[in-house]
Amino acid sequence: MTNLDGHELELVIHAANFSHNDAGIYYPITIGRFQELDQDLFMKQGVNLILSGGLLITGIVLLVFGIVHRQLNLQVLFFSLFALSLMYRMLGSFPYPLNALLPNFPFNLAIHLEYASIHTAALFGGAFIFFLYPKQSPKRLAIPFYVVLLMSLLVVIILPSTIFTSILKYYLFFILAYALVFIYIIFRARIEKEDTSGYLIAAMVVVMIWTLFQVITFLNIRTIPYGFNVVLIFAIIITCNLALFRTFFLKIRRSESLQAELDFSKSKQTMLALISHEIKTPVATLQMTMEMLRDLMNNPDYLAKRGEKLNSNSIKSVNTIKEMVNDFLLYMGKKQRVKEMFSLVSIAIRIEERFKVNLNKAPLSERQYETDIVTLEYILSTL
């Protein structure tokens, strides 16, 4: 009952809702000028469209990112699906921009998709955390999470809306509890020096706050201002994107570092094989010289003639072995592969000194090449 210019106007609304557990009019009635109310609704729908566009771009960009870096594909896939689920949440829930764009969209399908998006967002978001930090994720908590989420999602898909809307509040309390579990996992990963980001912790805190307000709203404890909800969603988008790109950048950098260490380990094995092959020659020469000396011990005249040559060969073989051992110890003592810049002329000079040969260096270019000169020398020696 209200007074309008001295006249009483009585508004009687007879409403029933047979498709939702919270029957009747859910949101408070606002009285005002049609143009102002319509403009306010249009603005809120526009904001939701912008937020959904941001989430759509996030999901698509991360899918492309996952295709480029396949070792991160599973985690990226889960988060991109989480972003796409939130995208539909922005389209299919209040102020329902999807229904404004498609006024003939079936109501029964719309309400099932609206509530399914809550479940898929939680499912993919939780799977993202569990798969991103498997060492820090308690297995006894991961399995119940998947079981409850999948069963609840199945209820939303199969059963009537009056049933799954009535159990939503219990589901939201369950998700709120697991939001604390995810924060614990991220903090533990950070303490254990796992590749993570402070942005990811901030994102999970915001998600937990947003989930808490969803519980408050669905329980009709209090109506959360629309603007505050928009701020939370916007914060989720920003912090999640910052966290993901920071976390994945760290993982890619570590992956590249591990690949570099693997390559260096292979180069050490190559160097060992080269030196093992090369050292056989001076060892064989030294062994043959010693056998000749033993045979010549009974022939002093011939020993006097050949002794100097045999002694020279022995010293040369020993020096060669010492040089190889020093090269091996120097190379194996390196913590990472070191390459330097050499011109063809400088490489030719090194070859002349090592193999006691004369090369024609006139036509060689002065262009610089990056190489490991020790490994190169042994490769050339083998050839």
Protein backbone atom coordinates (compact mmCIF):
# COMPACT_ATOMS: atom_id res chain seq x y z
CA MET A 1 0.00 0.00 0.00
CA THR A 2 1.43 3.39 -0.96
CA ASN A 3 0.23 6.99 -1.14
CA LEU A 4 0.47 8.67 -4.56
CA ASP A 5 -0.61 12.37 -4.68
CA GLY A 6 -3.15 11.82 -1.96
CA HIS A 7 -4.50 8.67 -3.57
CA GLU A 8 -3.88 5.22 -2.26
CA LEU A 9 -2.56 2.63 -4.71
CA GLU A 10 -2.63 -1.01 -3.71
CA LEU A 11 -0.28 -3.44 -5.50
CA VAL A 12 -1.19 -7.09 -5.28
CA ILE A 13 1.26 -9.58 -6.73
CA HIS A 14 0.21 -13.19 -6.91
CA ALA A 15 3.34 -15.17 -7.83
CA ALA A 16 4.27 -18.81 -7.76
CA ASN A 17 7.40 -20.57 -8.89
CA PHE A 18 7.12 -24.28 -9.54
CA SER A 19 10.64 -24.56 -11.04
CA HIS A 20 12.75 -23.35 -8.11
CA ASN A 21 13.06 -24.21 -4.45
CA ASP A 22 12.89 -20.53 -3.44
CA ALA A 23 9.38 -19.90 -4.68
CA GLY A 24 7.96 -16.47 -5.43
CA ILE A 25 9.75 -13.23 -6.19
CA TYR A 26 13.42 -13.65 -5.34
CA TYR A 27 14.75 -10.11 -5.85
CA PRO A 28 13.19 -7.05 -4.17
CA ILE A 29 10.76 -5.01 -6.26
CA THR A 30 12.07 -1.62 -7.40
CA ILE A 31 9.59 1.16 -8.24
CA GLY A 32 10.69 4.04 -10.45
CA ARG A 33 10.60 5.50 -13.93
CA PHE A 34 10.66 2.88 -16.65
CA GLN A 35 13.49 4.55 -18.59
CA GLU A 36 15.71 4.76 -15.51
CA LEU A 37 15.03 1.17 -14.48
CA ASP A 38 15.50 -0.08 -18.02
CA GLN A 39 18.76 1.85 -18.36
CA ASP A 40 20.04 0.44 -15.05
CA LEU A 41 19.21 -3.11 -16.15
CA PHE A 42 20.81 -2.51 -19.56
CA MET A 43 23.99 -1.21 -17.90
CA LYS A 44 24.26 -4.25 -15.60
CA GLN A 45 23.75 -6.61 -18.52
CA GLY A 46 26.43 -4.74 -20.45
CA VAL A 47 28.89 -5.07 -17.56
CA ASN A 48 28.21 -8.81 -17.38
CA LEU A 49 28.81 -9.08 -21.13
CA ILE A 50 32.17 -7.32 -20.74
CA LEU A 51 33.19 -9.63 -17.89
CA SER A 52 32.11 -12.70 -19.84
CA GLY A 53 34.13 -11.43 -22.82
CA GLY A 54 37.21 -11.15 -20.61
CA LEU A 55 36.70 -14.70 -19.35
CA LEU A 56 36.14 -15.95 -22.90
CA ILE A 57 39.40 -14.37 -24.07
CA THR A 58 41.19 -15.85 -21.04
CA GLY A 59 39.90 -19.34 -21.84
CA ILE A 60 40.80 -19.17 -25.53
CA VAL A 61 44.26 -17.63 -24.93
CA LEU A 62 45.09 -20.33 -22.37
CA LEU A 63 43.98 -23.08 -24.74
CA VAL A 64 46.34 -21.71 -27.39
CA PHE A 65 49.03 -21.40 -24.70
CA GLY A 66 48.51 -25.04 -23.77
CA ILE A 67 48.81 -26.16 -27.40
CA VAL A 68 52.12 -24.32 -27.77
CA HIS A 69 53.53 -25.71 -24.48
CA ARG A 70 52.24 -29.27 -24.38
CA GLN A 71 53.92 -30.13 -21.09
CA LEU A 72 51.51 -27.69 -19.42
CA ASN A 73 48.52 -28.66 -21.48
CA LEU A 74 46.50 -30.48 -18.80
CA GLN A 75 46.66 -27.72 -16.19
CA VAL A 76 45.97 -25.02 -18.77
CA LEU A 77 43.04 -27.01 -20.14
CA PHE A 78 41.44 -27.20 -16.69
CA PHE A 79 41.85 -23.48 -16.05
CA SER A 80 40.57 -22.52 -19.49
CA LEU A 81 37.45 -24.63 -18.84
CA PHE A 82 37.14 -22.95 -15.43
CA ALA A 83 37.25 -19.53 -17.16
CA LEU A 84 34.67 -20.62 -19.75
CA SER A 85 32.39 -21.91 -16.96
CA LEU A 86 32.57 -18.53 -15.21
CA MET A 87 31.91 -16.91 -18.58
CA TYR A 88 28.58 -18.70 -18.88
CA ARG A 89 27.87 -17.83 -15.24
CA MET A 90 28.14 -14.15 -16.20
CA LEU A 91 25.81 -14.68 -19.16
CA GLY A 92 23.22 -17.02 -17.64
CA SER A 93 22.74 -15.54 -14.14
CA PHE A 94 21.50 -12.19 -12.83
CA PRO A 95 21.00 -9.83 -14.64
CA TYR A 96 20.60 -12.54 -17.32
CA PRO A 97 22.09 -10.89 -20.43
CA LEU A 98 21.74 -14.19 -22.33
CA ASN A 99 17.97 -14.14 -21.82
CA ALA A 100 17.88 -10.52 -22.97
CA LEU A 101 19.78 -11.42 -26.15
CA LEU A 102 17.76 -14.62 -26.66
CA PRO A 103 14.28 -13.98 -25.19
CA ASN A 104 12.96 -17.32 -26.50
CA PHE A 105 15.74 -19.34 -24.87
CA PRO A 106 14.06 -22.33 -23.09
CA PHE A 107 13.72 -21.63 -19.37
CA ASN A 108 14.24 -25.25 -18.30
CA LEU A 109 17.48 -25.49 -20.27
CA ALA A 110 18.62 -22.06 -19.01
CA ILE A 111 18.23 -22.93 -15.32
CA HIS A 112 20.00 -26.28 -15.77
CA LEU A 113 22.93 -24.58 -17.53
CA GLU A 114 23.02 -21.79 -14.94
CA TYR A 115 23.44 -24.21 -12.05
CA ALA A 116 25.68 -26.59 -14.02
CA SER A 117 28.10 -23.70 -14.60
CA ILE A 118 28.55 -23.38 -10.80
CA HIS A 119 29.53 -27.04 -10.63
CA THR A 120 31.82 -27.09 -13.68
CA ALA A 121 33.61 -23.93 -12.49
CA ALA A 122 34.36 -25.56 -9.13
CA LEU A 123 35.26 -28.91 -10.73
CA PHE A 124 37.73 -27.51 -13.25
CA GLY A 125 39.13 -24.95 -10.82
CA GLY A 126 39.78 -27.65 -8.22
CA ALA A 127 41.28 -30.02 -10.81
CA PHE A 128 43.58 -27.20 -11.91
CA ILE A 129 44.98 -26.80 -8.37
CA PHE A 130 45.29 -30.56 -7.79
CA PHE A 131 47.11 -31.15 -11.08
CA LEU A 132 49.28 -28.04 -10.78
CA TYR A 133 50.58 -29.09 -7.35
CA PRO A 134 50.28 -32.90 -7.17
CA LYS A 135 52.99 -33.26 -4.50
CA GLN A 136 51.26 -30.83 -2.14
CA SER A 137 47.70 -32.09 -2.78
CA PRO A 138 46.42 -34.66 -0.23
CA LYS A 139 45.10 -37.65 -2.20
CA ARG A 140 42.49 -38.40 0.47
CA LEU A 141 40.93 -34.97 -0.18
CA ALA A 142 41.16 -34.99 -3.98
CA ILE A 143 39.08 -38.14 -4.53
CA PRO A 144 36.06 -37.01 -2.38
CA PHE A 145 36.17 -33.66 -4.18
CA TYR A 146 35.82 -35.28 -7.61
CA VAL A 147 33.18 -37.75 -6.44
CA VAL A 148 30.93 -35.13 -4.79
CA LEU A 149 31.32 -32.67 -7.68
CA LEU A 150 30.52 -35.23 -10.36
CA MET A 151 27.53 -36.62 -8.45
CA SER A 152 26.20 -33.12 -7.81
CA LEU A 153 26.69 -32.18 -11.47
CA LEU A 154 24.86 -35.34 -12.49
CA VAL A 155 21.95 -34.34 -10.22
CA VAL A 156 21.78 -30.92 -11.92
CA ILE A 157 21.78 -32.50 -15.39
CA ILE A 158 19.25 -35.28 -14.76
CA LEU A 159 16.85 -34.25 -11.97
CA PRO A 160 14.23 -31.46 -11.98
CA SER A 161 15.28 -27.96 -10.95
CA THR A 162 13.18 -28.05 -7.77
CA ILE A 163 15.51 -30.76 -6.43
CA PHE A 164 18.95 -29.42 -7.29
CA THR A 165 18.05 -25.88 -6.23
CA SER A 166 17.08 -27.19 -2.81
CA ILE A 167 20.48 -28.82 -2.16
CA LEU A 168 22.59 -25.99 -3.60
CA LYS A 169 23.30 -24.39 -0.21
CA TYR A 170 24.93 -27.61 1.06
CA TYR A 171 27.01 -27.80 -2.09
CA LEU A 172 28.19 -24.21 -1.63
CA PHE A 173 29.33 -24.93 1.94
CA PHE A 174 31.26 -27.91 0.55
CA ILE A 175 32.97 -25.69 -2.05
CA LEU A 176 33.73 -23.06 0.58
CA ALA A 177 35.52 -25.71 2.70
CA TYR A 178 37.58 -26.82 -0.30
CA ALA A 179 38.51 -23.23 -1.08
CA LEU A 180 40.39 -23.29 2.24
CA VAL A 181 42.02 -26.58 1.18
CA PHE A 182 43.21 -24.99 -2.08
CA ILE A 183 44.70 -22.02 -0.23
CA TYR A 184 46.52 -24.49 2.07
CA ILE A 185 47.90 -26.36 -0.99
CA ILE A 186 49.17 -23.15 -2.59
CA PHE A 187 50.79 -21.95 0.65
CA ARG A 188 52.45 -25.35 1.07
CA ALA A 189 53.72 -25.25 -2.52
CA ARG A 190 55.17 -21.80 -1.92
CA ILE A 191 56.92 -22.94 1.29
CA GLU A 192 58.38 -25.96 -0.53
CA LYS A 193 59.79 -23.68 -3.26
CA GLU A 194 57.41 -25.01 -5.91
CA ASP A 195 56.88 -22.84 -8.98
CA THR A 196 53.99 -20.67 -7.83
CA SER A 197 52.98 -17.05 -7.53
CA GLY A 198 51.61 -14.75 -4.87
CA TYR A 199 48.98 -13.78 -7.45
CA LEU A 200 47.61 -17.34 -7.31
CA ILE A 201 47.16 -17.08 -3.54
CA ALA A 202 45.39 -13.73 -4.00
CA ALA A 203 43.18 -15.24 -6.70
CA MET A 204 42.12 -18.13 -4.45
CA VAL A 205 41.37 -15.74 -1.58
CA VAL A 206 39.14 -13.68 -3.90
CA VAL A 207 37.44 -16.86 -5.16
CA MET A 208 36.79 -17.92 -1.55
CA ILE A 209 35.28 -14.49 -0.72
CA TRP A 210 33.13 -14.63 -3.87
CA THR A 211 31.95 -18.15 -2.96
CA LEU A 212 31.13 -17.00 0.57
CA PHE A 213 28.96 -14.18 -0.79
CA GLN A 214 27.25 -16.65 -3.14
CA VAL A 215 26.34 -18.73 -0.08
CA ILE A 216 25.03 -15.61 1.71
CA THR A 217 22.93 -14.70 -1.31
CA PHE A 218 21.46 -18.17 -1.87
CA LEU A 219 20.59 -18.52 1.82
CA ASN A 220 18.77 -15.15 1.69
CA ILE A 221 20.87 -13.96 4.63
CA ARG A 222 21.66 -10.71 2.87
CA THR A 223 21.65 -9.30 -0.64
CA ILE A 224 25.17 -8.62 -1.91
CA PRO A 225 25.40 -5.35 -3.90
CA TYR A 226 25.73 -5.98 -7.61
CA GLY A 227 28.69 -3.62 -7.89
CA PHE A 228 30.63 -5.52 -5.24
CA ASN A 229 30.02 -8.78 -7.07
CA VAL A 230 31.35 -7.20 -10.28
CA VAL A 231 34.49 -6.03 -8.48
CA LEU A 232 35.10 -9.56 -7.15
CA ILE A 233 34.67 -11.15 -10.60
CA PHE A 234 36.96 -8.54 -12.14
CA ALA A 235 39.55 -9.22 -9.41
CA ILE A 236 39.30 -12.97 -10.12
CA ILE A 237 39.98 -12.38 -13.82
CA ILE A 238 42.97 -10.08 -13.20
CA THR A 239 44.63 -12.10 -10.42
CA CYS A 240 44.08 -15.44 -12.13
CA ASN A 241 45.62 -14.23 -15.39
CA LEU A 242 48.59 -12.69 -13.59
CA ALA A 243 49.03 -15.83 -11.50
CA LEU A 244 48.78 -18.20 -14.44
CA PHE A 245 51.20 -16.41 -16.70
CA ARG A 246 53.63 -15.92 -13.82
CA THR A 247 53.37 -19.57 -12.70
CA PHE A 248 53.59 -20.99 -16.20
CA PHE A 249 56.49 -18.69 -17.04
CA LEU A 250 58.37 -20.11 -14.05
CA LYS A 251 57.53 -23.66 -15.10
CA ILE A 252 58.62 -23.04 -18.69
CA ARG A 253 61.87 -21.47 -17.50
CA ARG A 254 62.53 -24.45 -15.22
CA SER A 255 61.69 -26.84 -18.07
CA GLU A 256 64.16 -25.04 -20.33
CA SER A 257 66.77 -25.19 -17.55
CA LEU A 258 66.24 -28.94 -17.13
CA GLN A 259 66.51 -29.39 -20.90
CA ALA A 260 69.79 -27.43 -20.88
CA GLU A 261 71.12 -29.64 -18.07
CA LEU A 262 70.07 -32.73 -20.02
CA ASP A 263 71.85 -31.46 -23.14
CA PHE A 264 74.97 -30.71 -21.09
CA SER A 265 74.85 -34.18 -19.57
CA LYS A 266 74.67 -35.65 -23.07
CA SER A 267 77.61 -33.51 -24.16
CA LYS A 268 79.60 -34.84 -21.18
CA GLN A 269 78.84 -38.38 -22.29
CA THR A 270 79.93 -37.47 -25.81
CA MET A 271 83.15 -35.96 -24.45
CA LEU A 272 83.80 -39.08 -22.38
CA ALA A 273 83.29 -41.27 -25.43
CA LEU A 274 85.63 -39.12 -27.54
CA ILE A 275 88.40 -39.08 -24.92
CA SER A 276 87.98 -42.83 -24.28
CA HIS A 277 88.44 -43.37 -28.01
CA GLU A 278 91.37 -40.97 -28.36
CA ILE A 279 93.29 -42.12 -25.30
CA LYS A 280 93.65 -45.61 -26.77
CA THR A 281 96.21 -44.35 -29.32
CA PRO A 282 98.82 -42.91 -26.90
CA VAL A 283 98.26 -45.83 -24.51
CA ALA A 284 98.86 -48.30 -27.34
CA THR A 285 101.95 -46.34 -28.43
CA LEU A 286 103.30 -46.31 -24.89
CA GLN A 287 102.63 -50.03 -24.49
CA MET A 288 104.35 -50.85 -27.79
CA THR A 289 107.38 -48.69 -26.85
CA MET A 290 107.73 -50.45 -23.52
CA GLU A 291 107.57 -53.86 -25.23
CA MET A 292 110.23 -52.77 -27.73
CA LEU A 293 112.46 -51.55 -24.89
CA ARG A 294 112.06 -54.89 -23.18
CA ASP A 295 113.02 -56.76 -26.36
CA LEU A 296 116.00 -54.46 -26.99
CA MET A 297 117.47 -54.89 -23.52
CA ASN A 298 119.52 -57.82 -24.88
CA ASN A 299 120.82 -55.79 -27.84
CA PRO A 300 122.74 -52.76 -26.40
CA ASP A 301 124.01 -51.56 -29.79
CA TYR A 302 120.55 -51.31 -31.34
CA LEU A 303 119.15 -49.87 -28.11
CA ALA A 304 121.75 -47.06 -28.28
CA LYS A 305 120.60 -46.22 -31.80
CA ARG A 306 116.82 -46.42 -31.18
CA GLY A 307 116.69 -45.55 -27.48
CA GLU A 308 116.33 -41.79 -27.97
CA LYS A 309 113.48 -42.23 -30.45
CA LEU A 310 111.67 -44.66 -28.15
CA ASN A 311 112.16 -42.37 -25.17
CA SER A 312 110.78 -39.42 -27.17
CA ASN A 313 107.74 -41.45 -28.19
CA SER A 314 107.15 -42.46 -24.57
CA ILE A 315 107.34 -38.88 -23.30
CA LYS A 316 105.03 -37.73 -26.10
CA SER A 317 102.48 -40.45 -25.27
CA VAL A 318 102.58 -39.62 -21.55
CA ASN A 319 102.10 -35.90 -22.26
CA THR A 320 99.20 -36.69 -24.57
CA ILE A 321 97.54 -38.81 -21.88
CA LYS A 322 98.09 -36.07 -19.28
CA GLU A 323 96.57 -33.49 -21.63
CA MET A 324 93.53 -35.67 -22.23
CA VAL A 325 93.06 -36.30 -18.51
CA ASN A 326 93.30 -32.55 -17.81
CA ASP A 327 90.79 -31.81 -20.58
CA PHE A 328 88.46 -34.45 -19.18
CA LEU A 329 88.68 -33.15 -15.60
CA LEU A 330 88.24 -29.57 -16.77
CA TYR A 331 85.21 -30.44 -18.87
CA MET A 332 83.57 -32.66 -16.26
CA GLY A 333 84.11 -29.99 -13.59
CA LYS A 334 81.93 -27.51 -15.44
CA LYS A 335 78.47 -26.93 -13.98
CA GLN A 336 77.08 -25.77 -17.28
CA ARG A 337 78.04 -25.83 -20.90
CA VAL A 338 80.29 -22.90 -21.80
CA LYS A 339 80.49 -21.81 -25.41
CA GLU A 340 82.78 -19.11 -26.75
CA MET A 341 83.07 -17.20 -30.00
CA PHE A 342 85.84 -18.30 -32.39
CA SER A 343 86.68 -17.37 -35.98
CA LEU A 344 87.69 -20.00 -38.51
CA VAL A 345 91.22 -18.58 -38.46
CA SER A 346 91.55 -18.98 -34.68
CA ILE A 347 90.12 -22.52 -34.91
CA ALA A 348 92.65 -23.34 -37.65
CA ILE A 349 95.49 -22.06 -35.44
CA ARG A 350 94.31 -24.30 -32.57
CA ILE A 351 94.23 -27.28 -34.97
CA GLU A 352 97.77 -26.52 -36.19
CA GLU A 353 99.07 -26.38 -32.63
CA ARG A 354 97.32 -29.57 -31.56
CA PHE A 355 98.01 -31.77 -34.59
CA LYS A 356 101.32 -30.17 -35.70
CA VAL A 357 100.10 -29.47 -39.24
CA ASN A 358 100.21 -26.44 -41.54
CA LEU A 359 96.91 -25.13 -42.92
CA ASN A 360 96.27 -22.55 -45.60
CA LYS A 361 94.33 -19.91 -43.64
CA ALA A 362 94.18 -17.25 -46.35
CA PRO A 363 90.70 -18.02 -47.71
CA LEU A 364 89.15 -18.49 -44.26
CA SER A 365 86.51 -15.99 -43.10
CA GLU A 366 86.86 -13.92 -39.93
CA ARG A 367 83.22 -14.57 -39.08
CA GLN A 368 82.70 -15.59 -35.44
CA TYR A 369 81.11 -18.94 -34.49
CA GLU A 370 79.89 -20.11 -31.10
CA THR A 371 81.41 -23.44 -30.09
CA ASP A 372 83.01 -25.48 -27.32
CA ILE A 373 86.59 -25.57 -28.60
CA VAL A 374 87.70 -28.57 -26.51
CA THR A 375 84.88 -30.78 -27.79
CA LEU A 376 85.49 -29.56 -31.33
CA GLU A 377 89.17 -30.50 -31.12
CA TYR A 378 88.34 -34.04 -30.02
CA ILE A 379 85.72 -34.43 -32.74
CA LEU A 380 88.28 -33.32 -35.36
CA SER A 381 90.87 -35.63 -33.83
CA THR A 382 88.44 -38.56 -34.08
CA LEU A 383 87.70 -37.72 -37.70
